[in-house]
Amino acid sequence: MSELVKTYREYPSVKRYGIRCGMNAPKESYPLHRHDYFEFEIIQSGMLTHELNGVSETLGPGDAVALSPGDVHRFAPLSQVRIYNVGIYYKDAPDMVKQLLSSVKFPLRGQFLGEEAETLIDLFEKNGQAILSGGVYEYETVAAYTVLFLTRFFSGTQCQAAEGVGYTHVARAMAFIADNLTTDVSLKDVADSVYLTPGYFSKLFMRISGKSFVRYLTEQRVAYAEHLLVSTDRSVTEVAFSAGFGSFSAFSRAFRACRGMKPGEFRKLTRNR
């Protein structure tokens, strides 16, 4: 369930063999988050502020970044933005892609302009077409285009500054929360998972994420419950316990606080659309 670390909506994309290509046009700020895949982003147009592992900068057309699953970032558009985005799930990726990912130190930062940008975007688009093709040599074609894309990307970027203090701990904590969301996970459990005392971890998590541990955990559980309400026929009470809440009343209060309505009302609203 590590995908629940992301609290924003997914955007249209195509995915196969562990490779996902998509175009993102965010209109609002994305909160602090991490991914369970390697992410490569190229700004096509517009401007945004981007914070990566505690380091902030303004990005514009041609700017590119690459993150590993251990990196944490957030961003806010300053104007209408379009972003080419490639996600690579390591365990499902072709062997040659895995070798390339393992040979580079992340995160990466660079800029692609003119012919360099055109070549990279062309490879991005051809890879997306190959993923959708369903041809006889689809796997080999996707692997080849991905290797070419990564080779070009790596040649035009370099490793960014060292991670900000505490950001790695928060990224790992978010991953631990996602993996243990439906259990009776406590602040101490999460702090222990990143080898910090509960008191220090609590302050660190609040400073970096902007949310208390309890609030973040509750929001993630509500997001998972929302998914269950839409995608399953489990009763609302079953959903409450499946999402890690200790009682139905606690679930109902948390859901109303986060979504502005009761769980049952949310289910009826989404299913009547």
Protein backbone atom coordinates (compact mmCIF):
# COMPACT_ATOMS: atom_id res chain seq x y z
CA MET A 1 0.00 0.00 0.00
CA SER A 2 2.99 2.32 -0.35
CA GLU A 3 1.14 4.17 -3.12
CA LEU A 4 -0.95 5.81 -0.38
CA VAL A 5 2.05 7.91 0.61
CA LYS A 6 0.97 10.07 -2.34
CA THR A 7 -2.05 12.06 -1.30
CA TYR A 8 -2.80 13.58 -4.72
CA ARG A 9 -4.74 12.23 -7.68
CA GLU A 10 -3.05 10.11 -10.32
CA TYR A 11 -2.78 11.61 -13.79
CA PRO A 12 -3.34 9.82 -17.14
CA SER A 13 -0.45 7.51 -17.98
CA VAL A 14 0.45 4.29 -19.70
CA LYS A 15 2.34 1.55 -17.87
CA ARG A 16 3.82 -1.83 -18.73
CA TYR A 17 6.92 -3.84 -17.77
CA GLY A 18 7.49 -1.58 -14.77
CA ILE A 19 7.72 1.54 -16.99
CA ARG A 20 5.15 4.31 -16.80
CA CYS A 21 5.00 7.36 -19.09
CA GLY A 22 2.60 10.22 -18.51
CA MET A 23 1.97 13.94 -18.85
CA ASN A 24 1.19 15.88 -15.68
CA ALA A 25 -0.41 19.34 -15.61
CA PRO A 26 -0.74 20.18 -11.89
CA LYS A 27 -2.95 23.09 -10.97
CA GLU A 28 -2.36 22.99 -7.22
CA SER A 29 0.48 22.33 -4.81
CA TYR A 30 1.55 18.75 -4.17
CA PRO A 31 2.27 17.98 -0.49
CA LEU A 32 5.47 16.42 0.78
CA HIS A 33 5.61 12.87 -0.54
CA ARG A 34 7.75 10.04 -1.78
CA HIS A 35 7.24 7.33 -4.40
CA ASP A 36 7.76 3.59 -4.50
CA TYR A 37 9.41 3.98 -7.90
CA PHE A 38 12.17 5.99 -9.60
CA GLU A 39 10.74 9.20 -11.04
CA PHE A 40 12.08 11.28 -13.94
CA GLU A 41 10.52 14.69 -14.62
CA ILE A 42 11.12 17.18 -17.44
CA ILE A 43 9.37 20.56 -17.43
CA GLN A 44 7.87 21.22 -20.87
CA SER A 45 6.33 24.59 -20.05
CA GLY A 46 5.50 26.84 -17.11
CA MET A 47 7.26 27.51 -13.82
CA LEU A 48 7.09 25.86 -10.41
CA THR A 49 8.83 25.89 -7.06
CA HIS A 50 10.33 22.53 -6.19
CA GLU A 51 11.67 21.30 -2.87
CA LEU A 52 13.78 18.15 -2.98
CA ASN A 53 15.14 16.72 0.27
CA GLY A 54 14.89 20.13 1.89
CA VAL A 55 16.51 22.09 -0.96
CA SER A 56 14.18 24.54 -2.77
CA GLU A 57 14.55 26.07 -6.24
CA THR A 58 12.46 27.40 -9.12
CA LEU A 59 12.18 25.17 -12.21
CA GLY A 60 11.18 26.14 -15.73
CA PRO A 61 11.11 24.79 -19.30
CA GLY A 62 13.87 22.28 -19.94
CA ASP A 63 14.68 21.71 -16.28
CA ALA A 64 14.78 18.05 -15.23
CA VAL A 65 15.00 16.11 -11.98
CA ALA A 66 15.20 12.43 -11.10
CA LEU A 67 14.35 10.90 -7.73
CA SER A 68 14.88 7.51 -6.15
CA PRO A 69 12.29 5.91 -3.84
CA GLY A 70 14.30 7.29 -0.91
CA ASP A 71 13.90 10.94 -1.93
CA VAL A 72 11.18 13.26 -0.64
CA HIS A 73 9.81 16.25 -2.54
CA ARG A 74 6.95 18.69 -2.98
CA PHE A 75 6.17 21.40 -5.50
CA ALA A 76 3.82 24.25 -6.28
CA PRO A 77 3.05 25.62 -9.78
CA LEU A 78 3.73 29.32 -10.33
CA SER A 79 1.97 29.27 -13.72
CA GLN A 80 0.30 26.70 -15.96
CA VAL A 81 2.75 23.78 -15.98
CA ARG A 82 3.17 20.70 -18.17
CA ILE A 83 5.57 17.97 -17.06
CA TYR A 84 6.79 14.88 -18.88
CA ASN A 85 6.98 12.14 -16.27
CA VAL A 86 8.53 8.67 -16.40
CA GLY A 87 8.18 6.29 -13.45
CA ILE A 88 10.19 3.07 -13.20
CA TYR A 89 9.23 0.33 -10.75
CA TYR A 90 12.58 -1.34 -10.12
CA LYS A 91 11.39 -4.87 -9.33
CA ASP A 92 9.33 -5.08 -12.56
CA ALA A 93 11.79 -3.32 -14.89
CA PRO A 94 13.90 -5.07 -17.58
CA ASP A 95 17.36 -6.17 -16.39
CA MET A 96 19.24 -3.58 -18.47
CA VAL A 97 17.12 -0.82 -16.94
CA LYS A 98 17.84 -2.14 -13.44
CA GLN A 99 21.57 -2.10 -14.16
CA LEU A 100 21.41 1.52 -15.27
CA LEU A 101 19.39 2.60 -12.24
CA SER A 102 21.88 0.85 -9.93
CA SER A 103 24.86 2.59 -11.53
CA VAL A 104 23.77 6.18 -10.75
CA LYS A 105 23.63 8.14 -7.52
CA PHE A 106 20.31 9.94 -6.98
CA PRO A 107 18.78 12.53 -6.87
CA LEU A 108 19.71 14.10 -10.21
CA ARG A 109 19.33 17.60 -11.59
CA GLY A 110 19.92 18.95 -15.10
CA GLN A 111 18.60 21.01 -17.97
CA PHE A 112 17.76 19.99 -21.54
CA LEU A 113 17.40 22.64 -24.23
CA GLY A 114 17.19 22.71 -28.03
CA GLU A 115 18.17 19.47 -29.76
CA GLU A 116 18.90 17.71 -26.47
CA ALA A 117 15.37 18.38 -25.24
CA GLU A 118 13.81 17.32 -28.56
CA THR A 119 15.73 14.03 -28.52
CA LEU A 120 14.71 13.25 -24.95
CA ILE A 121 11.04 14.09 -25.54
CA ASP A 122 11.04 12.04 -28.75
CA LEU A 123 12.30 9.02 -26.81
CA PHE A 124 9.65 9.65 -24.15
CA GLU A 125 6.87 9.70 -26.74
CA LYS A 126 8.17 6.66 -28.63
CA ASN A 127 8.36 4.74 -25.37
CA GLY A 128 4.74 5.59 -24.59
CA GLN A 129 3.71 4.44 -28.06
CA ALA A 130 5.68 1.20 -27.64
CA ILE A 131 3.96 0.51 -24.31
CA LEU A 132 0.59 0.83 -26.05
CA SER A 133 1.54 -1.02 -29.23
CA GLY A 134 1.05 -4.64 -28.20
CA GLY A 135 3.43 -5.71 -30.95
CA VAL A 136 5.39 -8.95 -31.14
CA TYR A 137 8.57 -7.32 -29.83
CA GLU A 138 6.83 -4.95 -27.44
CA TYR A 139 8.92 -5.92 -24.39
CA GLU A 140 12.21 -5.53 -26.24
CA THR A 141 11.12 -2.22 -27.76
CA VAL A 142 10.04 -0.74 -24.42
CA ALA A 143 13.28 -1.89 -22.80
CA ALA A 144 15.38 -0.39 -25.63
CA TYR A 145 13.64 2.99 -25.60
CA THR A 146 13.84 3.14 -21.80
CA VAL A 147 17.59 2.43 -21.89
CA LEU A 148 18.08 5.14 -24.53
CA PHE A 149 15.98 7.58 -22.51
CA LEU A 150 17.94 6.90 -19.31
CA THR A 151 21.29 7.11 -21.09
CA ARG A 152 20.41 10.51 -22.52
CA PHE A 153 18.96 11.68 -19.21
CA PHE A 154 21.97 10.59 -17.17
CA SER A 155 24.41 12.20 -19.59
CA GLY A 156 22.71 15.58 -19.15
CA THR A 157 22.31 15.58 -15.36
CA GLN A 158 24.44 15.31 -12.26
CA CYS A 159 23.90 14.26 -8.67
CA GLN A 160 22.30 17.00 -6.60
CA ALA A 161 23.43 18.24 -3.19
CA ALA A 162 23.31 15.89 -0.22
CA GLU A 163 19.91 15.22 1.31
CA GLY A 164 18.61 17.64 3.91
CA VAL A 165 18.95 16.55 7.51
CA GLY A 166 16.04 14.36 8.55
CA TYR A 167 14.42 13.98 5.14
CA THR A 168 15.62 10.41 4.69
CA HIS A 169 14.17 9.53 8.10
CA VAL A 170 10.79 11.02 7.16
CA ALA A 171 10.78 9.23 3.80
CA ARG A 172 11.45 5.91 5.49
CA ALA A 173 8.84 6.65 8.13
CA MET A 174 6.23 7.38 5.45
CA ALA A 175 7.07 4.07 3.77
CA PHE A 176 6.76 2.23 7.10
CA ILE A 177 3.39 3.86 7.78
CA ALA A 178 2.15 2.87 4.32
CA ASP A 179 3.25 -0.74 4.82
CA ASN A 180 1.63 -0.96 8.28
CA LEU A 181 -1.39 1.26 7.73
CA THR A 182 -4.02 -1.31 8.70
CA THR A 183 -2.24 -2.42 11.89
CA ASP A 184 -2.23 -0.82 15.32
CA VAL A 185 0.89 1.18 14.44
CA SER A 186 2.04 3.71 17.03
CA LEU A 187 4.37 6.71 17.08
CA LYS A 188 6.94 4.57 18.92
CA ASP A 189 6.69 1.84 16.28
CA VAL A 190 7.43 4.32 13.50
CA ALA A 191 10.17 6.09 15.45
CA ASP A 192 11.82 2.74 16.19
CA SER A 193 11.73 1.86 12.47
CA VAL A 194 13.98 4.87 11.71
CA TYR A 195 16.08 4.53 14.90
CA LEU A 196 14.94 7.76 16.55
CA THR A 197 13.35 8.49 19.92
CA PRO A 198 9.59 9.13 19.75
CA GLY A 199 9.95 12.71 21.00
CA TYR A 200 12.64 13.69 18.51
CA PHE A 201 10.91 11.88 15.65
CA SER A 202 7.59 13.60 16.39
CA LYS A 203 9.17 17.08 16.16
CA LEU A 204 11.18 16.11 13.06
CA PHE A 205 8.11 14.70 11.28
CA MET A 206 6.09 17.82 12.09
CA ARG A 207 8.86 20.17 10.90
CA ILE A 208 9.42 18.41 7.58
CA SER A 209 5.93 17.21 6.63
CA GLY A 210 3.99 20.10 8.14
CA LYS A 211 1.67 17.61 9.84
CA SER A 212 1.64 15.79 13.13
CA PHE A 213 2.19 12.04 13.08
CA VAL A 214 -1.41 11.41 14.20
CA ARG A 215 -2.86 13.70 11.53
CA TYR A 216 -0.76 12.14 8.77
CA LEU A 217 -1.62 8.59 9.86
CA THR A 218 -5.33 9.46 10.05
CA GLU A 219 -5.33 11.05 6.58
CA GLN A 220 -3.62 8.01 5.07
CA ARG A 221 -6.14 5.67 6.69
CA VAL A 222 -9.03 7.80 5.47
CA ALA A 223 -7.56 7.73 1.95
CA TYR A 224 -7.38 3.94 2.09
CA ALA A 225 -10.92 3.72 3.48
CA GLU A 226 -12.09 5.96 0.63
CA HIS A 227 -10.54 3.51 -1.82
CA LEU A 228 -12.34 0.57 -0.13
CA LEU A 229 -15.68 2.39 -0.12
CA VAL A 230 -15.44 3.00 -3.86
CA SER A 231 -13.89 -0.29 -5.01
CA THR A 232 -15.47 -2.90 -2.70
CA ASP A 233 -18.89 -3.87 -1.33
CA ARG A 234 -17.66 -4.18 2.27
CA SER A 235 -19.94 -2.61 4.84
CA VAL A 236 -18.90 0.76 6.23
CA THR A 237 -18.09 -0.91 9.54
CA GLU A 238 -15.87 -3.48 7.82
CA VAL A 239 -14.13 -0.67 5.94
CA ALA A 240 -13.45 1.13 9.23
CA PHE A 241 -11.57 -1.81 10.72
CA SER A 242 -9.93 -2.76 7.41
CA ALA A 243 -8.43 0.74 7.24
CA GLY A 244 -6.89 0.43 10.69
CA PHE A 245 -9.39 2.35 12.82
CA GLY A 246 -10.05 0.96 16.29
CA SER A 247 -13.77 1.72 16.26
CA PHE A 248 -16.51 2.78 13.88
CA SER A 249 -17.10 6.03 15.78
CA ALA A 250 -13.43 7.00 15.46
CA PHE A 251 -13.55 6.23 11.74
CA SER A 252 -16.74 8.23 11.21
CA ARG A 253 -15.32 11.27 13.02
CA ALA A 254 -12.04 11.11 11.11
CA PHE A 255 -13.76 10.66 7.74
CA ARG A 256 -16.09 13.61 8.30
CA ALA A 257 -13.16 15.77 9.42
CA CYS A 258 -11.18 14.92 6.26
CA ARG A 259 -13.95 14.68 3.64
CA GLY A 260 -16.76 16.83 5.07
CA MET A 261 -19.33 14.03 4.97
CA LYS A 262 -20.13 10.64 6.50
CA PRO A 263 -18.56 7.51 4.93
CA GLY A 264 -21.95 6.22 3.80
CA GLU A 265 -22.78 9.54 2.17
CA PHE A 266 -19.46 9.49 0.35
CA ARG A 267 -20.13 5.98 -0.99
CA LYS A 268 -23.60 6.96 -2.28
CA LEU A 269 -22.26 10.13 -3.87
CA THR A 270 -19.43 8.39 -5.74
CA ARG A 271 -21.59 5.50 -6.91
CA ASN A 272 -24.35 7.75 -8.21
CA ARG A 273 -21.99 9.65 -10.48
